[in-house]
Amino acid sequence: MVKRSPLDNRATSDVAWARYRRLMRGMALVSAGAVVLALGWLRYTLGDQLTIHMIIATAAGVGLSVMLGAALMGLVFLSSGSGHDEAIEDPFEDDPDMKNER
């Protein structure tokens, strides 16, 4: 029999996804701050050599990298915090050979 995940429950799911969205909103602010710091550092070090193309590339690269990391880590926290991780079936649970490897 397949174990049910806590995320199958609508109330638990709503709370978990609301927490994830709140985390992502906060990380969007952190990402914007990282972009501003990166652009400020480039402006300080390069001066007038900073081109619009470099500004766009830096903003996209730094901003999207921070948001991707936040999204992936947020999903790990969502999975762990909601109990979804404990709901998996271990296919090697009864295998004596695999117990020695743990």
PDB file of N, CA and C in Angstrom:
ATOM      1  N   MET A   1       0.836  -1.178   0.000  1.00  0.00           N
ATOM      2  CA  MET A   1       0.000   0.000   0.000  1.00  0.00           C
ATOM      3  C   MET A   1       0.887   1.251   0.000  1.00  0.00           C
ATOM      4  N   VAL A   2       0.538   2.221  -0.790  1.00  0.00           N
ATOM      5  CA  VAL A   2       1.289   3.467  -0.903  1.00  0.00           C
ATOM      6  C   VAL A   2       0.939   4.382   0.262  1.00  0.00           C
ATOM      7  N   LYS A   3       1.991   4.904   0.916  1.00  0.00           N
ATOM      8  CA  LYS A   3       1.767   5.842   2.019  1.00  0.00           C
ATOM      9  C   LYS A   3       1.266   7.170   1.464  1.00  0.00           C
ATOM     10  N   ARG A   4       0.385   7.809   2.204  1.00  0.00           N
ATOM     11  CA  ARG A   4      -0.123   9.110   1.793  1.00  0.00           C
ATOM     12  C   ARG A   4       0.799  10.200   2.316  1.00  0.00           C
ATOM     13  N   SER A   5       1.057  11.170   1.478  1.00  0.00           N
ATOM     14  CA  SER A   5       1.884  12.307   1.857  1.00  0.00           C
ATOM     15  C   SER A   5       1.027  13.330   2.595  1.00  0.00           C
ATOM     16  N   PRO A   6       1.601  14.017   3.575  1.00  0.00           N
ATOM     17  CA  PRO A   6       0.851  15.099   4.223  1.00  0.00           C
ATOM     18  C   PRO A   6       0.451  16.195   3.229  1.00  0.00           C
ATOM     19  N   LEU A   7       1.179  16.314   2.125  1.00  0.00           N
ATOM     20  CA  LEU A   7       0.818  17.325   1.128  1.00  0.00           C
ATOM     21  C   LEU A   7      -0.445  16.946   0.352  1.00  0.00           C
ATOM     22  N   ASP A   8      -0.913  15.707   0.512  1.00  0.00           N
ATOM     23  CA  ASP A   8      -2.189  15.322  -0.091  1.00  0.00           C
ATOM     24  C   ASP A   8      -3.361  15.951   0.643  1.00  0.00           C
ATOM     25  N   ASN A   9      -3.153  16.341   1.899  1.00  0.00           N
ATOM     26  CA  ASN A   9      -4.175  17.022   2.681  1.00  0.00           C
ATOM     27  C   ASN A   9      -4.200  18.496   2.277  1.00  0.00           C
ATOM     28  N   ARG A  10      -5.364  18.993   1.921  1.00  0.00           N
ATOM     29  CA  ARG A  10      -5.486  20.360   1.396  1.00  0.00           C
ATOM     30  C   ARG A  10      -5.021  21.420   2.404  1.00  0.00           C
ATOM     31  N   ALA A  11      -5.373  21.272   3.668  1.00  0.00           N
ATOM     32  CA  ALA A  11      -5.007  22.274   4.680  1.00  0.00           C
ATOM     33  C   ALA A  11      -3.485  22.309   4.884  1.00  0.00           C
ATOM     34  N   THR A  12      -2.871  21.142   4.985  1.00  0.00           N
ATOM     35  CA  THR A  12      -1.418  21.076   5.152  1.00  0.00           C
ATOM     36  C   THR A  12      -0.714  21.637   3.929  1.00  0.00           C
ATOM     37  N   SER A  13      -1.228  21.287   2.774  1.00  0.00           N
ATOM     38  CA  SER A  13      -0.647  21.758   1.523  1.00  0.00           C
ATOM     39  C   SER A  13      -0.729  23.279   1.411  1.00  0.00           C
ATOM     40  N   ASP A  14      -1.864  23.840   1.775  1.00  0.00           N
ATOM     41  CA  ASP A  14      -2.026  25.297   1.695  1.00  0.00           C
ATOM     42  C   ASP A  14      -1.034  26.022   2.605  1.00  0.00           C
ATOM     43  N   VAL A  15      -0.855  25.499   3.819  1.00  0.00           N
ATOM     44  CA  VAL A  15       0.078  26.122   4.766  1.00  0.00           C
ATOM     45  C   VAL A  15       1.516  26.015   4.240  1.00  0.00           C
ATOM     46  N   ALA A  16       1.873  24.836   3.730  1.00  0.00           N
ATOM     47  CA  ALA A  16       3.239  24.626   3.239  1.00  0.00           C
ATOM     48  C   ALA A  16       3.538  25.523   2.043  1.00  0.00           C
ATOM     49  N   TRP A  17       2.617  25.601   1.098  1.00  0.00           N
ATOM     50  CA  TRP A  17       2.861  26.429  -0.090  1.00  0.00           C
ATOM     51  C   TRP A  17       2.825  27.917   0.238  1.00  0.00           C
ATOM     52  N   ALA A  18       2.024  28.328   1.224  1.00  0.00           N
ATOM     53  CA  ALA A  18       2.020  29.736   1.650  1.00  0.00           C
ATOM     54  C   ALA A  18       3.368  30.096   2.266  1.00  0.00           C
ATOM     55  N   ARG A  19       3.930  29.172   3.053  1.00  0.00           N
ATOM     56  CA  ARG A  19       5.251  29.399   3.639  1.00  0.00           C
ATOM     57  C   ARG A  19       6.324  29.481   2.555  1.00  0.00           C
ATOM     58  N   TYR A  20       6.200  28.641   1.526  1.00  0.00           N
ATOM     59  CA  TYR A  20       7.151  28.653   0.413  1.00  0.00           C
ATOM     60  C   TYR A  20       7.069  29.978  -0.354  1.00  0.00           C
ATOM     61  N   ARG A  21       5.854  30.450  -0.613  1.00  0.00           N
ATOM     62  CA  ARG A  21       5.698  31.727  -1.322  1.00  0.00           C
ATOM     63  C   ARG A  21       6.255  32.889  -0.502  1.00  0.00           C
ATOM     64  N   ARG A  22       6.062  32.847   0.822  1.00  0.00           N
ATOM     65  CA  ARG A  22       6.613  33.894   1.686  1.00  0.00           C
ATOM     66  C   ARG A  22       8.143  33.865   1.651  1.00  0.00           C
ATOM     67  N   LEU A  23       8.725  32.674   1.668  1.00  0.00           N
ATOM     68  CA  LEU A  23      10.171  32.538   1.554  1.00  0.00           C
ATOM     69  C   LEU A  23      10.668  33.111   0.227  1.00  0.00           C
ATOM     70  N   MET A  24       9.971  32.829  -0.848  1.00  0.00           N
ATOM     71  CA  MET A  24      10.394  33.302  -2.164  1.00  0.00           C
ATOM     72  C   MET A  24      10.265  34.823  -2.284  1.00  0.00           C
ATOM     73  N   ARG A  25       9.249  35.394  -1.671  1.00  0.00           N
ATOM     74  CA  ARG A  25       9.142  36.861  -1.677  1.00  0.00           C
ATOM     75  C   ARG A  25      10.315  37.489  -0.933  1.00  0.00           C
ATOM     76  N   GLY A  26      10.665  36.928   0.198  1.00  0.00           N
ATOM     77  CA  GLY A  26      11.814  37.434   0.948  1.00  0.00           C
ATOM     78  C   GLY A  26      13.106  37.273   0.166  1.00  0.00           C
ATOM     79  N   MET A  27      13.240  36.147  -0.508  1.00  0.00           N
ATOM     80  CA  MET A  27      14.462  35.913  -1.281  1.00  0.00           C
ATOM     81  C   MET A  27      14.515  36.791  -2.529  1.00  0.00           C
ATOM     82  N   ALA A  28      13.382  37.228  -3.034  1.00  0.00           N
ATOM     83  CA  ALA A  28      13.393  38.173  -4.150  1.00  0.00           C
ATOM     84  C   ALA A  28      14.020  39.492  -3.700  1.00  0.00           C
ATOM     85  N   LEU A  29      13.740  39.892  -2.467  1.00  0.00           N
ATOM     86  CA  LEU A  29      14.368  41.105  -1.925  1.00  0.00           C
ATOM     87  C   LEU A  29      15.870  40.900  -1.728  1.00  0.00           C
ATOM     88  N   VAL A  30      16.251  39.736  -1.237  1.00  0.00           N
ATOM     89  CA  VAL A  30      17.684  39.429  -1.072  1.00  0.00           C
ATOM     90  C   VAL A  30      18.371  39.412  -2.438  1.00  0.00           C
ATOM     91  N   SER A  31      17.695  38.840  -3.434  1.00  0.00           N
ATOM     92  CA  SER A  31      18.244  38.788  -4.790  1.00  0.00           C
ATOM     93  C   SER A  31      18.441  40.188  -5.357  1.00  0.00           C
ATOM     94  N   ALA A  32      17.463  41.050  -5.151  1.00  0.00           N
ATOM     95  CA  ALA A  32      17.586  42.429  -5.627  1.00  0.00           C
ATOM     96  C   ALA A  32      18.749  43.138  -4.927  1.00  0.00           C
ATOM     97  N   GLY A  33      18.903  42.876  -3.639  1.00  0.00           N
ATOM     98  CA  GLY A  33      20.033  43.448  -2.910  1.00  0.00           C
ATOM     99  C   GLY A  33      21.373  42.947  -3.430  1.00  0.00           C
ATOM    100  N   ALA A  34      21.434  41.661  -3.771  1.00  0.00           N
ATOM    101  CA  ALA A  34      22.667  41.087  -4.320  1.00  0.00           C
ATOM    102  C   ALA A  34      22.996  41.716  -5.668  1.00  0.00           C
ATOM    103  N   VAL A  35      21.968  41.975  -6.474  1.00  0.00           N
ATOM    104  CA  VAL A  35      22.181  42.623  -7.777  1.00  0.00           C
ATOM    105  C   VAL A  35      22.714  44.036  -7.576  1.00  0.00           C
ATOM    106  N   VAL A  36      22.121  44.769  -6.659  1.00  0.00           N
ATOM    107  CA  VAL A  36      22.568  46.142  -6.392  1.00  0.00           C
ATOM    108  C   VAL A  36      24.015  46.150  -5.902  1.00  0.00           C
ATOM    109  N   LEU A  37      24.347  45.222  -4.997  1.00  0.00           N
ATOM    110  CA  LEU A  37      25.727  45.146  -4.507  1.00  0.00           C
ATOM    111  C   LEU A  37      26.707  44.777  -5.621  1.00  0.00           C
ATOM    112  N   ALA A  38      26.326  43.832  -6.467  1.00  0.00           N
ATOM    113  CA  ALA A  38      27.205  43.424  -7.568  1.00  0.00           C
ATOM    114  C   ALA A  38      27.418  44.572  -8.552  1.00  0.00           C
ATOM    115  N   LEU A  39      26.343  45.271  -8.881  1.00  0.00           N
ATOM    116  CA  LEU A  39      26.466  46.400  -9.811  1.00  0.00           C
ATOM    117  C   LEU A  39      27.263  47.551  -9.187  1.00  0.00           C
ATOM    118  N   GLY A  40      27.065  47.764  -7.899  1.00  0.00           N
ATOM    119  CA  GLY A  40      27.835  48.800  -7.209  1.00  0.00           C
ATOM    120  C   GLY A  40      29.313  48.476  -7.198  1.00  0.00           C
ATOM    121  N   TRP A  41      29.649  47.214  -6.946  1.00  0.00           N
ATOM    122  CA  TRP A  41      31.046  46.805  -6.958  1.00  0.00           C
ATOM    123  C   TRP A  41      31.653  46.950  -8.353  1.00  0.00           C
ATOM    124  N   LEU A  42      30.889  46.557  -9.382  1.00  0.00           N
ATOM    125  CA  LEU A  42      31.389  46.728 -10.752  1.00  0.00           C
ATOM    126  C   LEU A  42      31.591  48.197 -11.092  1.00  0.00           C
ATOM    127  N   ARG A  43      30.665  49.026 -10.674  1.00  0.00           N
ATOM    128  CA  ARG A  43      30.781  50.473 -10.935  1.00  0.00           C
ATOM    129  C   ARG A  43      32.011  51.040 -10.236  1.00  0.00           C
ATOM    130  N   TYR A  44      32.252  50.583  -9.009  1.00  0.00           N
ATOM    131  CA  TYR A  44      33.413  51.049  -8.247  1.00  0.00           C
ATOM    132  C   TYR A  44      34.722  50.602  -8.898  1.00  0.00           C
ATOM    133  N   THR A  45      34.770  49.350  -9.353  1.00  0.00           N
ATOM    134  CA  THR A  45      36.025  48.832  -9.889  1.00  0.00           C
ATOM    135  C   THR A  45      36.256  49.209 -11.356  1.00  0.00           C
ATOM    136  N   LEU A  46      35.206  49.299 -12.142  1.00  0.00           N
ATOM    137  CA  LEU A  46      35.368  49.573 -13.573  1.00  0.00           C
ATOM    138  C   LEU A  46      35.153  51.026 -13.957  1.00  0.00           C
ATOM    139  N   GLY A  47      34.420  51.747 -13.135  1.00  0.00           N
ATOM    140  CA  GLY A  47      34.166  53.162 -13.444  1.00  0.00           C
ATOM    141  C   GLY A  47      33.319  53.334 -14.691  1.00  0.00           C
ATOM    142  N   ASP A  48      33.818  54.130 -15.644  1.00  0.00           N
ATOM    143  CA  ASP A  48      33.052  54.441 -16.858  1.00  0.00           C
ATOM    144  C   ASP A  48      33.064  53.311 -17.883  1.00  0.00           C
ATOM    145  N   GLN A  49      33.806  52.262 -17.655  1.00  0.00           N
ATOM    146  CA  GLN A  49      33.853  51.141 -18.598  1.00  0.00           C
ATOM    147  C   GLN A  49      32.650  50.216 -18.473  1.00  0.00           C
ATOM    148  N   LEU A  50      31.790  50.457 -17.518  1.00  0.00           N
ATOM    149  CA  LEU A  50      30.601  49.632 -17.306  1.00  0.00           C
ATOM    150  C   LEU A  50      29.574  49.925 -18.400  1.00  0.00           C
ATOM    151  N   THR A  51      29.299  48.927 -19.233  1.00  0.00           N
ATOM    152  CA  THR A  51      28.362  49.108 -20.342  1.00  0.00           C
ATOM    153  C   THR A  51      26.981  48.588 -19.966  1.00  0.00           C
ATOM    154  N   ILE A  52      25.994  48.983 -20.752  1.00  0.00           N
ATOM    155  CA  ILE A  52      24.623  48.541 -20.505  1.00  0.00           C
ATOM    156  C   ILE A  52      24.508  47.027 -20.636  1.00  0.00           C
ATOM    157  N   HIS A  53      25.297  46.450 -21.546  1.00  0.00           N
ATOM    158  CA  HIS A  53      25.257  44.996 -21.731  1.00  0.00           C
ATOM    159  C   HIS A  53      25.787  44.267 -20.496  1.00  0.00           C
ATOM    160  N   MET A  54      26.827  44.829 -19.899  1.00  0.00           N
ATOM    161  CA  MET A  54      27.383  44.235 -18.696  1.00  0.00           C
ATOM    162  C   MET A  54      26.410  44.376 -17.525  1.00  0.00           C
ATOM    163  N   ILE A  55      25.721  45.499 -17.472  1.00  0.00           N
ATOM    164  CA  ILE A  55      24.730  45.712 -16.408  1.00  0.00           C
ATOM    165  C   ILE A  55      23.606  44.688 -16.527  1.00  0.00           C
ATOM    166  N   ILE A  56      23.094  44.505 -17.743  1.00  0.00           N
ATOM    167  CA  ILE A  56      21.999  43.549 -17.958  1.00  0.00           C
ATOM    168  C   ILE A  56      22.450  42.125 -17.649  1.00  0.00           C
ATOM    169  N   ALA A  57      23.644  41.752 -18.137  1.00  0.00           N
ATOM    170  CA  ALA A  57      24.154  40.402 -17.903  1.00  0.00           C
ATOM    171  C   ALA A  57      24.400  40.148 -16.419  1.00  0.00           C
ATOM    172  N   THR A  58      24.950  41.124 -15.725  1.00  0.00           N
ATOM    173  CA  THR A  58      25.214  40.968 -14.300  1.00  0.00           C
ATOM    174  C   THR A  58      23.918  40.864 -13.516  1.00  0.00           C
ATOM    175  N   ALA A  59      22.971  41.736 -13.820  1.00  0.00           N
ATOM    176  CA  ALA A  59      21.687  41.701 -13.114  1.00  0.00           C
ATOM    177  C   ALA A  59      20.972  40.373 -13.341  1.00  0.00           C
ATOM    178  N   ALA A  60      20.958  39.908 -14.568  1.00  0.00           N
ATOM    179  CA  ALA A  60      20.291  38.635 -14.867  1.00  0.00           C
ATOM    180  C   ALA A  60      21.034  37.464 -14.227  1.00  0.00           C
ATOM    181  N   GLY A  61      22.345  37.448 -14.358  1.00  0.00           N
ATOM    182  CA  GLY A  61      23.130  36.342 -13.823  1.00  0.00           C
ATOM    183  C   GLY A  61      23.061  36.246 -12.311  1.00  0.00           C
ATOM    184  N   VAL A  62      23.293  37.344 -11.636  1.00  0.00           N
ATOM    185  CA  VAL A  62      23.272  37.339 -10.169  1.00  0.00           C
ATOM    186  C   VAL A  62      21.849  37.116  -9.665  1.00  0.00           C
ATOM    187  N   GLY A  63      20.906  37.858 -10.208  1.00  0.00           N
ATOM    188  CA  GLY A  63      19.524  37.750  -9.741  1.00  0.00           C
ATOM    189  C   GLY A  63      18.932  36.368  -9.945  1.00  0.00           C
ATOM    190  N   LEU A  64      19.107  35.815 -11.124  1.00  0.00           N
ATOM    191  CA  LEU A  64      18.536  34.497 -11.395  1.00  0.00           C
ATOM    192  C   LEU A  64      19.270  33.388 -10.652  1.00  0.00           C
ATOM    193  N   SER A  65      20.568  33.539 -10.450  1.00  0.00           N
ATOM    194  CA  SER A  65      21.310  32.533  -9.683  1.00  0.00           C
ATOM    195  C   SER A  65      20.832  32.477  -8.235  1.00  0.00           C
ATOM    196  N   VAL A  66      20.654  33.632  -7.631  1.00  0.00           N
ATOM    197  CA  VAL A  66      20.176  33.680  -6.250  1.00  0.00           C
ATOM    198  C   VAL A  66      18.754  33.123  -6.166  1.00  0.00           C
ATOM    199  N   MET A  67      17.897  33.476  -7.115  1.00  0.00           N
ATOM    200  CA  MET A  67      16.515  32.987  -7.084  1.00  0.00           C
ATOM    201  C   MET A  67      16.441  31.482  -7.340  1.00  0.00           C
ATOM    202  N   LEU A  68      17.277  30.959  -8.226  1.00  0.00           N
ATOM    203  CA  LEU A  68      17.281  29.516  -8.477  1.00  0.00           C
ATOM    204  C   LEU A  68      17.725  28.765  -7.233  1.00  0.00           C
ATOM    205  N   GLY A  69      18.775  29.219  -6.605  1.00  0.00           N
ATOM    206  CA  GLY A  69      19.219  28.585  -5.365  1.00  0.00           C
ATOM    207  C   GLY A  69      18.150  28.646  -4.285  1.00  0.00           C
ATOM    208  N   ALA A  70      17.482  29.785  -4.171  1.00  0.00           N
ATOM    209  CA  ALA A  70      16.419  29.937  -3.175  1.00  0.00           C
ATOM    210  C   ALA A  70      15.241  29.021  -3.484  1.00  0.00           C
ATOM    211  N   ALA A  71      14.877  28.912  -4.754  1.00  0.00           N
ATOM    212  CA  ALA A  71      13.749  28.060  -5.135  1.00  0.00           C
ATOM    213  C   ALA A  71      14.044  26.597  -4.820  1.00  0.00           C
ATOM    214  N   LEU A  72      15.226  26.137  -5.152  1.00  0.00           N
ATOM    215  CA  LEU A  72      15.568  24.736  -4.904  1.00  0.00           C
ATOM    216  C   LEU A  72      15.680  24.441  -3.410  1.00  0.00           C
ATOM    217  N   MET A  73      16.332  25.320  -2.669  1.00  0.00           N
ATOM    218  CA  MET A  73      16.428  25.106  -1.226  1.00  0.00           C
ATOM    219  C   MET A  73      15.059  25.234  -0.561  1.00  0.00           C
ATOM    220  N   GLY A  74      14.228  26.139  -1.068  1.00  0.00           N
ATOM    221  CA  GLY A  74      12.872  26.265  -0.543  1.00  0.00           C
ATOM    222  C   GLY A  74      12.063  24.996  -0.739  1.00  0.00           C
ATOM    223  N   LEU A  75      12.240  24.334  -1.881  1.00  0.00           N
ATOM    224  CA  LEU A  75      11.540  23.071  -2.115  1.00  0.00           C
ATOM    225  C   LEU A  75      12.041  21.974  -1.183  1.00  0.00           C
ATOM    226  N   VAL A  76      13.332  21.994  -0.859  1.00  0.00           N
ATOM    227  CA  VAL A  76      13.865  21.032   0.109  1.00  0.00           C
ATOM    228  C   VAL A  76      13.227  21.278   1.470  1.00  0.00           C
ATOM    229  N   PHE A  77      13.144  22.546   1.876  1.00  0.00           N
ATOM    230  CA  PHE A  77      12.519  22.868   3.162  1.00  0.00           C
ATOM    231  C   PHE A  77      11.037  22.519   3.153  1.00  0.00           C
ATOM    232  N   LEU A  78      10.362  22.765   2.052  1.00  0.00           N
ATOM    233  CA  LEU A  78       8.936  22.432   1.933  1.00  0.00           C
ATOM    234  C   LEU A  78       8.738  20.938   2.101  1.00  0.00           C
ATOM    235  N   SER A  79       9.539  20.149   1.412  1.00  0.00           N
ATOM    236  CA  SER A  79       9.418  18.697   1.459  1.00  0.00           C
ATOM    237  C   SER A  79       9.702  18.161   2.855  1.00  0.00           C
ATOM    238  N   SER A  80      10.745  18.665   3.472  1.00  0.00           N
ATOM    239  CA  SER A  80      11.120  18.194   4.799  1.00  0.00           C
ATOM    240  C   SER A  80      10.150  18.693   5.874  1.00  0.00           C
ATOM    241  N   GLY A  81       9.804  19.964   5.814  1.00  0.00           N
ATOM    242  CA  GLY A  81       8.954  20.561   6.848  1.00  0.00           C
ATOM    243  C   GLY A  81       7.523  20.074   6.841  1.00  0.00           C
ATOM    244  N   SER A  82       7.035  19.628   5.700  1.00  0.00           N
ATOM    245  CA  SER A  82       5.643  19.182   5.619  1.00  0.00           C
ATOM    246  C   SER A  82       5.489  17.707   5.947  1.00  0.00           C
ATOM    247  N   GLY A  83       6.596  16.977   6.082  1.00  0.00           N
ATOM    248  CA  GLY A  83       6.518  15.546   6.337  1.00  0.00           C
ATOM    249  C   GLY A  83       6.465  14.721   5.067  1.00  0.00           C
ATOM    250  N   HIS A  84       6.596  15.371   3.941  1.00  0.00           N
ATOM    251  CA  HIS A  84       6.543  14.668   2.656  1.00  0.00           C
ATOM    252  C   HIS A  84       7.695  13.680   2.509  1.00  0.00           C
ATOM    253  N   ASP A  85       8.857  14.002   3.064  1.00  0.00           N
ATOM    254  CA  ASP A  85      10.022  13.115   2.967  1.00  0.00           C
ATOM    255  C   ASP A  85       9.788  11.783   3.671  1.00  0.00           C
ATOM    256  N   GLU A  86       9.057  11.808   4.786  1.00  0.00           N
ATOM    257  CA  GLU A  86       8.819  10.586   5.546  1.00  0.00           C
ATOM    258  C   GLU A  86       7.770   9.693   4.892  1.00  0.00           C
ATOM    259  N   ALA A  87       7.074  10.214   3.903  1.00  0.00           N
ATOM    260  CA  ALA A  87       5.988   9.457   3.278  1.00  0.00           C
ATOM    261  C   ALA A  87       6.457   8.561   2.135  1.00  0.00           C
ATOM    262  N   ILE A  88       7.753   8.543   1.870  1.00  0.00           N
ATOM    263  CA  ILE A  88       8.231   7.715   0.760  1.00  0.00           C
ATOM    264  C   ILE A  88       8.286   6.250   1.175  1.00  0.00           C
ATOM    265  N   GLU A  89       8.243   5.378   0.189  1.00  0.00           N
ATOM    266  CA  GLU A  89       8.421   3.957   0.433  1.00  0.00           C
ATOM    267  C   GLU A  89       9.861   3.601   0.127  1.00  0.00           C
ATOM    268  N   ASP A  90      10.536   2.959   1.068  1.00  0.00           N
ATOM    269  CA  ASP A  90      11.923   2.556   0.864  1.00  0.00           C
ATOM    270  C   ASP A  90      11.931   1.181   0.200  1.00  0.00           C
ATOM    271  N   PRO A  91      12.347   1.092  -1.059  1.00  0.00           N
ATOM    272  CA  PRO A  91      12.327  -0.203  -1.735  1.00  0.00           C
ATOM    273  C   PRO A  91      13.353  -1.188  -1.173  1.00  0.00           C
ATOM    274  N   PHE A  92      14.325  -0.698  -0.422  1.00  0.00           N
ATOM    275  CA  PHE A  92      15.367  -1.559   0.134  1.00  0.00           C
ATOM    276  C   PHE A  92      15.162  -1.826   1.619  1.00  0.00           C
ATOM    277  N   GLU A  93      13.986  -1.533   2.134  1.00  0.00           N
ATOM    278  CA  GLU A  93      13.715  -1.666   3.557  1.00  0.00           C
ATOM    279  C   GLU A  93      13.907  -3.110   4.041  1.00  0.00           C
ATOM    280  N   ASP A  94      13.499  -4.094   3.258  1.00  0.00           N
ATOM    281  CA  ASP A  94      13.576  -5.501   3.659  1.00  0.00           C
ATOM    282  C   ASP A  94      14.795  -6.219   3.092  1.00  0.00           C
ATOM    283  N   ASP A  95      15.656  -5.505   2.365  1.00  0.00           N
ATOM    284  CA  ASP A  95      16.825  -6.119   1.741  1.00  0.00           C
ATOM    285  C   ASP A  95      17.983  -6.144   2.738  1.00  0.00           C
ATOM    286  N   PRO A  96      18.418  -7.340   3.179  1.00  0.00           N
ATOM    287  CA  PRO A  96      19.494  -7.403   4.182  1.00  0.00           C
ATOM    288  C   PRO A  96      20.826  -6.891   3.656  1.00  0.00           C
ATOM    289  N   ASP A  97      21.056  -6.987   2.358  1.00  0.00           N
ATOM    290  CA  ASP A  97      22.317  -6.481   1.792  1.00  0.00           C
ATOM    291  C   ASP A  97      22.412  -4.966   1.907  1.00  0.00           C
ATOM    292  N   MET A  98      21.308  -4.280   1.764  1.00  0.00           N
ATOM    293  CA  MET A  98      21.319  -2.822   1.815  1.00  0.00           C
ATOM    294  C   MET A  98      21.432  -2.303   3.257  1.00  0.00           C
ATOM    295  N   LYS A  99      21.027  -3.107   4.236  1.00  0.00           N
ATOM    296  CA  LYS A  99      21.140  -2.656   5.628  1.00  0.00           C
ATOM    297  C   LYS A  99      22.591  -2.517   6.055  1.00  0.00           C
ATOM    298  N   ASN A 100      23.477  -3.317   5.475  1.00  0.00           N
ATOM    299  CA  ASN A 100      24.899  -3.219   5.794  1.00  0.00           C
ATOM    300  C   ASN A 100      25.529  -1.940   5.257  1.00  0.00           C
ATOM    301  N   GLU A 101      24.939  -1.368   4.212  1.00  0.00           N
ATOM    302  CA  GLU A 101      25.514  -0.182   3.576  1.00  0.00           C
ATOM    303  C   GLU A 101      25.093   1.106   4.268  1.00  0.00           C
ATOM    304  N   ARG A 102      24.092   1.057   5.105  1.00  0.00           N
ATOM    305  CA  ARG A 102      23.598   2.279   5.749  1.00  0.00           C
ATOM    306  C   ARG A 102      24.417   2.643   6.909  1.00  0.00           C
TER     307      ARG A 102
END
